[in-house]
Amino acid sequence: MMMLLELYDFGLEARTLHLLAGALLGLVFGAAAQITRFCLRRAVAGPQEDRAEAGAVWLAALAAAVVGFALSASLGFVDLGDHRFLSADLPLAAIVLGGLAFGAGMVLTRGCVSRLTVLSGTGNLRAAFVLLVFAVTAHATLKGILAPLRTSIGAFTVDAPFASLAASTAGLAALVLLVVALAATLTVRTRPRMLHLALAGLIGLVAVGGWAATSVLLFDEFDPLTVQSAAFTLPWSDTLFWTVASSAIPAGFGVGFIGGVVSGSYLSAAARGEIKLFSFESPRQTLRYGVGGVLMGFGGVLAGGCTVGAGLSGVASGSVAAIIALVSIGLGGWATAAALSGTNRVVTAAV
């Protein structure tokens, strides 16, 4: 597959093109996620009557991402090469512990990072506060005071027999069939709105578009940049760093993607008359959301991504690490929701 930079002279550096591609894909993601209320937390720990439909929408996005990635890779539009998702040396302890922590955090904050990013564009100040805590914690875990702890936990690794299910035709077919079957089953059971299903498919294709743009279409062999896709953990860390030191580090795909998501959600909410300011109701609630932000920031880095970075973009590639991270996030969210529900029942009974 020929790279676009070999065919056309855009007059821009590769990094600038990555920034613009990220912003465009982010706009689509932000608008679609705002309309559909796209969030894994809703499927795992949302209101009982809302979980199945939220799960159907999320799985529809994952199905589109898995199928789209498989087709794109077969046609040469995607090439992850030696991306960390395809490493057979799995930091299993970090992935599992990080996933559990992230899952707990998203329940405490009533939304995963992707959902909070979308909400921040609609006037939700609670979401904006959590994102600041999340970004600081993620950056501290990557390059700051928490980095030694991350390194220590990540030192416990196992050698996986294969890094990706996509390494074999049978493995890829099994992944595609499983995800599509789950999405179809929940869709038939819950019958979500067709618009939401269509937009969920579009969200899934955003993940594929990110891989294609950064790995093949806009890849510059003379100035190779990081291959990445729709995600929020590293992009929020990069956005924080770029915001405070833009003269030292240029913005790339991740920064563009975050800006696009916030802008897309704002434009969608404004068009639908859904812009409204929200803030915290009590110091106790502020503390709960702050702790959740820390857990997601630390956990997201350890797990190698969030519900979108690992869960959507990562699983689409068939990555074993991403699949383990997604399962761990789901278990962490479910266990935390169950624990909080049990605590509330005890308090209610005591009263």
Foldseek 3Di string as FASTA:
>chain_A
DAAQVVVDCPVDDLQVVLLQLLLVLLLLLQLLCLVLVQFQLCLQQNPPVRNLVSVLLLLLLQLLLQVLQLVCVVVPLFDQDVPVLFAQWALLQLQLQLLLLLLLLCLLLVGHLLSLLSVVLQAEVLSVVLLVLLLVLLLCCVPNDVVVVLVVSSVRTDGHPGFFLVVDPVSSVVLSVVSVVSSVVSCVVPVDDPSSSVSSSSNSVQLVSQRSCQGGHSADPVDRDNRAGDFQQVLSNVLVCCVVCVVVDPDGSSVSSSNNSSVSSNVNCVVVVRRDHHDDDDVVSSVSNSSSSNSSNSSQVSLVGICCRLVRNVVSRRGPSSVSSNVSSSVSNNVSSVVVVVVVVVVVVVD
